[in-house]
């Protein structure tokens, strides 16, 4: 995202030489708003006018622009509550097809960075958005970028262009847009555990160029703003904005509003980080992977044992059933044999067969007064 810090930096620099006026590449610095020339939009652009908000866009983007228009009132109200001031009385938002077209719609001499999908010019009440991210065919997340850039304009309105630290400006925009919440969470975890958080005082002079450090800068800026705006301290945050709006230097206004200095607040915030992010230290380390692997192996082993035990029990039941069937079949066979061949009182030597045979008399016939055996 891109911030427009407005003319506040230049004005404070004249009164306080200790305030840096160096402008990072992603911060268009508008020194004299009245002298800036803004090119018109192409004639084929459509317009949605809400009175306070005017959105100009290519007609083909109607489906993607409609949610922005729908959410605009809610975004404005939320920012007004957070900052305690009337904000966003008038804003023009231009939605271009590509980053190149977005650059063509920018104020003369103030092009957006090449990597930007959105840029804000708060003193000009102007926001530029691109439907497509640079150097890729991916669509930009218009809702997040829209909320981010409106937050920059709203802060400029709330403090009436007075200087605020860059970490506060960027932190508020990231916090209000909700962008990359998971990545910011992971970044804060890593930075907290590795003790690589950056001093907030350094961020006011400019965000680092290193890819890892700049991620830390954005993550901790958003989280420190969350810390300042939390419900219990919201009235203090409103007092801070009111004091800065009245011309008080930010650090002094912060100390007066919160009853302590910046260094003590940063210390308390870091303690808060320690409580939130070191209770699960394994999450960000390789040991957590090994713990998960061990649990998976144990679970697999237990599951295999359970399945094997179940299989053995099934086999045992089947074998018992088979044995019972064989036993019943054998008994039935014995009973059938007894019915077909009844036993005598003879002893177990098998002589009962002879006795039985002996008891059977052969057929005989009488002839001439005598009995004869038939053969």
Protein backbone atom coordinates (compact mmCIF):
# COMPACT_ATOMS: atom_id res chain seq x y z
CA UNK A 1 0.00 0.00 0.00
CA UNK A 2 1.00 3.60 -0.43
CA UNK A 3 0.63 6.41 2.03
CA UNK A 4 0.04 10.08 1.40
CA UNK A 5 1.34 11.92 4.45
CA UNK A 6 0.31 15.26 3.07
CA UNK A 7 1.78 18.67 3.66
CA UNK A 8 2.18 18.17 7.39
CA UNK A 9 5.78 17.00 7.09
CA UNK A 10 6.85 20.08 5.20
CA UNK A 11 5.08 22.42 7.61
CA UNK A 12 6.55 20.75 10.72
CA UNK A 13 10.01 20.73 9.17
CA UNK A 14 9.93 24.50 8.99
CA UNK A 15 9.10 24.75 12.70
CA UNK A 16 11.18 21.83 13.94
CA UNK A 17 14.44 21.01 12.14
CA UNK A 18 14.67 17.68 13.99
CA UNK A 19 11.71 16.32 12.04
CA UNK A 20 12.83 14.40 8.97
CA UNK A 21 11.33 15.43 5.65
CA UNK A 22 12.86 12.58 3.67
CA UNK A 23 10.14 10.98 1.61
CA UNK A 24 10.30 7.19 1.15
CA UNK A 25 9.65 5.96 -2.39
CA UNK A 26 6.11 4.88 -1.55
CA UNK A 27 5.02 8.22 -0.03
CA UNK A 28 4.00 10.89 -2.52
CA UNK A 29 4.71 14.18 -0.80
CA UNK A 30 2.38 17.01 -1.80
CA UNK A 31 4.13 20.26 -0.88
CA UNK A 32 1.76 22.78 -2.49
CA UNK A 33 -1.70 21.27 -3.14
CA UNK A 34 -3.04 24.36 -4.85
CA UNK A 35 -0.36 24.19 -7.51
CA UNK A 36 -0.83 20.52 -8.39
CA UNK A 37 -2.41 19.65 -11.72
CA UNK A 38 -4.66 16.57 -11.79
CA UNK A 39 -5.45 15.09 -15.22
CA UNK A 40 -9.09 14.30 -16.09
CA UNK A 41 -10.32 10.74 -16.32
CA UNK A 42 -10.95 9.21 -19.78
CA UNK A 43 -14.37 10.01 -21.27
CA UNK A 44 -15.47 6.37 -21.16
CA UNK A 45 -15.27 6.25 -17.35
CA UNK A 46 -18.49 5.83 -15.36
CA UNK A 47 -19.22 7.84 -12.19
CA UNK A 48 -20.94 7.00 -8.90
CA UNK A 49 -21.58 10.10 -6.80
CA UNK A 50 -22.55 9.69 -3.13
CA UNK A 51 -22.14 13.36 -2.34
CA UNK A 52 -19.12 12.98 -0.10
CA UNK A 53 -17.62 10.22 -2.25
CA UNK A 54 -17.19 10.26 -6.02
CA UNK A 55 -16.02 7.04 -7.64
CA UNK A 56 -14.85 7.09 -11.27
CA UNK A 57 -14.12 3.81 -13.01
CA UNK A 58 -14.21 1.87 -16.24
CA UNK A 59 -17.75 0.51 -16.89
CA UNK A 60 -16.40 -3.04 -17.15
CA UNK A 61 -15.41 -2.83 -13.48
CA UNK A 62 -18.96 -2.20 -12.25
CA UNK A 63 -19.20 -5.56 -10.50
CA UNK A 64 -15.97 -4.99 -8.58
CA UNK A 65 -16.66 -1.34 -7.78
CA UNK A 66 -20.20 -1.88 -6.49
CA UNK A 67 -19.07 -3.46 -3.16
CA UNK A 68 -16.82 -0.45 -2.50
CA UNK A 69 -19.71 1.94 -2.94
CA UNK A 70 -21.89 -0.23 -0.70
CA UNK A 71 -19.28 -0.35 2.08
CA UNK A 72 -18.21 3.29 1.81
CA UNK A 73 -20.63 4.72 4.39
CA UNK A 74 -19.67 2.07 6.94
CA UNK A 75 -15.96 2.74 6.35
CA UNK A 76 -16.44 6.48 6.81
CA UNK A 77 -18.45 6.06 10.01
CA UNK A 78 -15.95 3.65 11.54
CA UNK A 79 -13.00 5.93 10.81
CA UNK A 80 -14.87 8.88 12.28
CA UNK A 81 -15.49 6.92 15.50
CA UNK A 82 -11.90 5.67 15.70
CA UNK A 83 -10.44 9.14 15.22
CA UNK A 84 -13.10 11.11 17.05
CA UNK A 85 -13.35 13.73 14.30
CA UNK A 86 -15.45 14.53 11.27
CA UNK A 87 -13.58 13.01 8.36
CA UNK A 88 -13.94 12.31 4.64
CA UNK A 89 -16.23 15.20 3.75
CA UNK A 90 -15.09 14.84 0.17
CA UNK A 91 -12.99 12.17 -1.55
CA UNK A 92 -12.53 11.24 -5.19
CA UNK A 93 -11.59 7.64 -5.94
CA UNK A 94 -10.36 6.66 -9.39
CA UNK A 95 -10.30 2.97 -10.33
CA UNK A 96 -7.99 2.21 -13.26
CA UNK A 97 -7.62 -0.95 -15.28
CA UNK A 98 -3.90 -1.36 -14.74
CA UNK A 99 -1.08 0.17 -12.69
CA UNK A 100 0.07 1.97 -15.84
CA UNK A 101 -3.36 3.54 -16.31
CA UNK A 102 -3.42 4.42 -12.61
CA UNK A 103 -0.13 6.28 -13.05
CA UNK A 104 -1.64 8.21 -15.98
CA UNK A 105 -4.44 9.39 -13.67
CA UNK A 106 -2.03 10.57 -10.96
CA UNK A 107 -1.25 14.23 -10.27
CA UNK A 108 1.50 15.57 -12.49
CA UNK A 109 4.92 14.94 -11.02
CA UNK A 110 3.55 12.64 -8.30
CA UNK A 111 3.32 9.15 -9.83
CA UNK A 112 2.56 6.14 -7.64
CA UNK A 113 5.33 3.61 -7.00
CA UNK A 114 5.70 0.92 -9.62
CA UNK A 115 4.69 -1.80 -7.15
CA UNK A 116 1.51 -0.06 -5.90
CA UNK A 117 -2.10 -1.15 -6.36
CA UNK A 118 -3.32 1.96 -4.58
CA UNK A 119 -2.10 5.42 -3.60
CA UNK A 120 -3.56 8.27 -1.55
CA UNK A 121 -3.01 12.00 -1.90
CA UNK A 122 -4.73 13.26 1.28
CA UNK A 123 -4.19 16.99 0.73
CA UNK A 124 -5.80 16.57 -2.69
CA UNK A 125 -8.60 14.32 -1.34
CA UNK A 126 -7.69 11.88 -4.07
CA UNK A 127 -7.29 8.08 -4.06
CA UNK A 128 -6.14 5.97 -7.01
CA UNK A 129 -6.73 2.22 -7.27
CA UNK A 130 -5.77 -0.40 -9.85
CA UNK A 131 -7.91 -3.41 -10.74
CA UNK A 132 -4.77 -5.44 -11.41
CA UNK A 133 -1.64 -5.88 -9.36
CA UNK A 134 1.66 -4.80 -10.95
CA UNK A 135 3.80 -7.31 -12.86
CA UNK A 136 1.10 -9.98 -12.64
CA UNK A 137 -2.28 -10.91 -14.03
CA UNK A 138 -3.72 -11.24 -10.53
CA UNK A 139 -6.63 -9.04 -9.49
CA UNK A 140 -5.96 -6.58 -6.69
CA UNK A 141 -7.95 -6.84 -3.47
CA UNK A 142 -9.92 -3.65 -4.04
CA UNK A 143 -11.76 -3.73 -0.72
CA UNK A 144 -8.56 -3.84 1.34
CA UNK A 145 -6.79 -1.21 -0.76
CA UNK A 146 -9.88 1.04 -0.69
CA UNK A 147 -10.09 0.92 3.11
CA UNK A 148 -6.33 1.39 3.45
CA UNK A 149 -6.20 4.53 1.32
CA UNK A 150 -9.34 6.05 2.83
CA UNK A 151 -7.74 5.65 6.27
CA UNK A 152 -4.82 7.83 5.12
CA UNK A 153 -7.18 10.54 3.91
CA UNK A 154 -9.26 10.30 7.10
CA UNK A 155 -6.20 10.71 9.33
CA UNK A 156 -5.14 13.78 7.36
CA UNK A 157 -8.63 15.22 7.94
CA UNK A 158 -8.61 14.32 11.64
CA UNK A 159 -5.28 16.03 12.43
CA UNK A 160 -5.78 18.79 9.83
CA UNK A 161 -2.55 17.94 8.09
CA UNK A 162 -0.35 18.02 11.21
CA UNK A 163 2.60 15.66 11.29
CA UNK A 164 2.16 12.14 12.62
CA UNK A 165 4.85 9.44 12.66
CA UNK A 166 4.91 7.19 9.67
CA UNK A 167 4.39 4.12 11.85
CA UNK A 168 1.12 5.66 13.11
CA UNK A 169 -0.05 6.60 9.62
CA UNK A 170 0.79 3.24 8.06
CA UNK A 171 -0.25 1.32 11.16
CA UNK A 172 -3.69 2.91 11.19
CA UNK A 173 -4.23 2.18 7.49
CA UNK A 174 -3.16 -1.46 7.78
CA UNK A 175 -5.15 -1.96 10.98
CA UNK A 176 -8.33 -0.43 9.54
CA UNK A 177 -8.12 -2.36 6.28
CA UNK A 178 -7.48 -5.71 8.00
CA UNK A 179 -5.09 -6.64 5.22
CA UNK A 180 -2.72 -9.63 5.50
CA UNK A 181 -3.85 -10.34 9.07
CA UNK A 182 -2.44 -13.89 9.11
CA UNK A 183 0.91 -12.84 7.65
CA UNK A 184 1.18 -9.97 10.14
CA UNK A 185 0.41 -12.38 12.97
CA UNK A 186 3.11 -14.79 11.84
CA UNK A 187 5.58 -11.94 11.33
CA UNK A 188 4.98 -10.63 14.86
CA UNK A 189 5.37 -14.14 16.28
CA UNK A 190 8.70 -14.60 14.55
CA UNK A 191 9.97 -11.11 15.40
CA UNK A 192 8.91 -11.40 19.05
CA UNK A 193 10.51 -14.80 19.56
CA UNK A 194 13.70 -13.84 17.73
CA UNK A 195 13.87 -10.45 19.47
CA UNK A 196 14.09 -8.70 16.11
CA UNK A 197 11.38 -6.07 16.57
CA UNK A 198 12.36 -2.64 15.29
CA UNK A 199 12.35 0.45 17.55
CA UNK A 200 9.33 2.55 16.60
CA UNK A 201 11.47 5.69 16.74
CA UNK A 202 13.44 4.37 13.76
CA UNK A 203 10.27 3.84 11.74
CA UNK A 204 9.37 7.51 11.94
CA UNK A 205 12.52 8.30 9.95
CA UNK A 206 11.57 5.79 7.29
CA UNK A 207 10.73 2.14 6.81
CA UNK A 208 13.63 -0.22 6.04
CA UNK A 209 14.27 -1.42 2.50
CA UNK A 210 15.05 -5.00 3.55
CA UNK A 211 12.14 -7.28 2.67
CA UNK A 212 12.03 -9.02 6.04
CA UNK A 213 12.46 -5.85 8.07
CA UNK A 214 9.85 -3.93 6.13
CA UNK A 215 7.35 -6.72 6.84
CA UNK A 216 8.17 -6.39 10.53
CA UNK A 217 7.78 -2.62 10.29
CA UNK A 218 4.27 -2.85 8.85
CA UNK A 219 3.21 -5.62 11.24
CA UNK A 220 4.37 -3.89 14.40
CA UNK A 221 3.06 -0.49 13.27
CA UNK A 222 -0.43 -1.96 12.84
CA UNK A 223 -0.25 -3.80 16.13
CA UNK A 224 0.98 -0.80 18.10
CA UNK A 225 -1.91 1.26 16.69
CA UNK A 226 -4.26 -1.55 17.78
CA UNK A 227 -2.64 -1.32 21.24
CA UNK A 228 -3.27 2.44 21.37
CA UNK A 229 -6.84 2.20 20.07
CA UNK A 230 -8.00 -0.68 22.27
CA UNK A 231 -11.34 -0.06 23.92
CA UNK A 232 -9.98 0.64 27.40
CA UNK A 233 -7.77 3.43 26.03
CA UNK A 234 -9.98 4.76 23.26
CA UNK A 235 -10.62 8.05 25.03
CA UNK A 236 -6.86 8.53 25.34
CA UNK A 237 -6.52 7.91 21.60
CA UNK A 238 -9.17 10.53 20.90
CA UNK A 239 -7.31 12.97 23.15
CA UNK A 240 -4.11 12.23 21.22
CA UNK A 241 -5.75 13.07 17.90
CA UNK A 242 -7.31 16.23 19.33
CA UNK A 243 -3.97 17.44 20.71
CA UNK A 244 -2.15 16.78 17.43
CA UNK A 245 -4.97 18.49 15.56
CA UNK A 246 -4.41 21.52 17.79
CA UNK A 247 -0.76 21.71 16.78
CA UNK A 248 0.93 19.79 19.60
CA UNK A 249 3.96 17.70 18.54
CA UNK A 250 2.96 14.05 18.32
CA UNK A 251 5.30 12.65 21.00
CA UNK A 252 4.28 15.33 23.47
CA UNK A 253 0.60 14.84 22.65
CA UNK A 254 1.01 11.09 23.12
CA UNK A 255 2.60 11.58 26.54
CA UNK A 256 -0.11 13.98 27.67
CA UNK A 257 -2.95 11.76 26.43
CA UNK A 258 -1.64 8.48 27.86
CA UNK A 259 0.05 9.87 30.96
CA UNK A 260 3.43 8.43 30.01
CA UNK A 261 6.07 8.78 27.34
CA UNK A 262 6.57 6.91 24.09
CA UNK A 263 9.36 4.76 25.48
CA UNK A 264 7.19 3.45 28.33
CA UNK A 265 4.26 2.79 26.00
CA UNK A 266 6.47 0.86 23.63
CA UNK A 267 7.81 -1.16 26.57
CA UNK A 268 4.26 -2.02 27.70
CA UNK A 269 3.34 -2.98 24.15
CA UNK A 270 6.32 -5.32 23.90
CA UNK A 271 5.30 -6.94 27.17
CA UNK A 272 1.85 -7.42 25.65
CA UNK A 273 3.47 -9.09 22.64
CA UNK A 274 5.43 -11.41 24.92
CA UNK A 275 2.24 -12.51 26.65
CA UNK A 276 0.39 -13.08 23.39
CA UNK A 277 3.06 -14.68 21.26
CA UNK A 278 5.39 -16.65 23.51
CA UNK A 279 2.76 -18.93 25.06
CA UNK A 280 3.05 -21.20 22.02
CA UNK A 281 6.74 -20.89 21.11
CA UNK A 282 6.80 -24.15 19.20
CA UNK A 283 4.39 -22.79 16.59
CA UNK A 284 7.15 -20.87 14.82
CA UNK A 285 9.94 -23.38 15.33
CA UNK A 286 10.94 -26.65 13.72
CA UNK A 287 10.34 -28.49 16.99
CA UNK A 288 6.63 -28.10 16.46
CA UNK A 289 6.90 -30.03 13.22
CA UNK A 290 8.70 -32.84 15.04
CA UNK A 291 6.05 -32.88 17.74
CA UNK A 292 3.34 -33.17 15.10
CA UNK A 293 5.30 -35.91 13.35
CA UNK A 294 5.73 -37.85 16.60
CA UNK A 295 2.05 -37.57 17.39
CA UNK A 296 1.20 -38.75 13.89
CA UNK A 297 3.50 -41.77 14.20
CA UNK A 298 2.11 -42.74 17.60
CA UNK A 299 -1.42 -42.34 16.31
CA UNK A 300 -0.64 -44.49 13.27
CA UNK A 301 0.92 -47.17 15.49
CA UNK A 302 -2.05 -47.20 17.87
CA UNK A 303 -4.44 -47.33 14.94
CA UNK A 304 -2.60 -50.27 13.41
CA UNK A 305 -2.62 -52.10 16.74
CA UNK A 306 -6.31 -51.42 17.16
CA UNK A 307 -7.06 -52.66 13.64
CA UNK A 308 -4.90 -55.77 14.20
CA UNK A 309 -6.63 -56.53 17.50
CA UNK A 310 -10.02 -56.17 15.85
CA UNK A 311 -8.98 -58.49 13.04
CA UNK A 312 -7.73 -61.14 15.49
CA UNK A 313 -10.98 -60.95 17.43
CA UNK A 314 -12.96 -61.47 14.22
CA UNK A 315 -10.79 -64.43 13.27
CA UNK A 316 -11.21 -65.94 16.74
CA UNK A 317 -14.99 -65.63 16.54
CA UNK A 318 -15.04 -67.17 13.10
CA UNK A 319 -12.81 -70.05 14.20
CA UNK A 320 -14.97 -70.72 17.27
CA UNK A 321 -18.07 -70.76 15.11
CA UNK A 322 -16.42 -73.21 12.73
CA UNK A 323 -15.40 -75.50 15.60
CA UNK A 324 -18.92 -75.41 16.99
CA UNK A 325 -20.34 -76.33 13.60
CA UNK A 326 -17.91 -79.25 13.31
CA UNK A 327 -18.84 -80.45 16.80
CA UNK A 328 -22.56 -80.33 16.05
CA UNK A 329 -22.03 -82.17 12.77
CA UNK A 330 -20.07 -84.90 14.54
CA UNK A 331 -22.77 -85.35 17.17
CA UNK A 332 -25.42 -85.59 14.49
CA UNK A 333 -23.39 -88.25 12.65
CA UNK A 334 -23.00 -90.32 15.83
CA UNK A 335 -26.71 -90.09 16.58
CA UNK A 336 -27.54 -91.21 13.06
CA UNK A 337 -25.24 -94.22 13.42
CA UNK A 338 -26.94 -95.23 16.65
CA UNK A 339 -30.36 -95.16 15.00
CA UNK A 340 -29.22 -97.33 12.09
CA UNK A 341 -27.27 -99.89 14.20
CA UNK A 342 -28.62 -100.33 17.78
CA UNK A 343 -26.17 -101.72 20.24
CA UNK A 344 -26.53 -104.95 22.49
CA UNK A 345 -25.41 -105.66 25.99
CA UNK A 346 -22.24 -107.33 24.78
CA UNK A 347 -18.93 -106.14 26.01
CA UNK A 348 -16.69 -103.69 24.24
CA UNK A 349 -14.69 -106.50 22.54
CA UNK A 350 -17.18 -106.55 19.69
CA UNK A 351 -18.62 -110.01 20.47
CA UNK A 352 -22.09 -108.51 20.44
CA UNK A 353 -22.11 -109.00 16.68
CA UNK A 354 -21.65 -112.73 17.00
CA UNK A 355 -24.34 -112.90 19.65
CA UNK A 356 -26.68 -111.06 17.47
CA UNK A 357 -25.94 -113.33 14.54
CA UNK A 358 -26.37 -116.40 16.71
CA UNK A 359 -29.83 -115.34 17.79
CA UNK A 360 -31.03 -115.36 14.19
CA UNK A 361 -32.41 -118.83 13.27
CA UNK A 362 -32.08 -120.12 9.65
CA UNK A 363 -35.35 -121.05 7.85
CA UNK A 364 -36.45 -124.73 8.29
CA UNK A 365 -39.07 -127.06 6.69
CA UNK A 366 -40.79 -130.31 7.93
CA UNK A 367 -40.65 -133.45 5.67
CA UNK A 368 -41.76 -136.98 6.56
CA UNK A 369 -41.94 -136.06 10.21
CA UNK A 370 -38.51 -134.47 10.32
CA UNK A 371 -37.32 -130.78 10.22
CA UNK A 372 -34.67 -129.82 7.67
CA UNK A 373 -32.64 -126.58 7.34
CA UNK A 374 -33.12 -124.84 4.06
CA UNK A 375 -30.00 -124.00 2.10
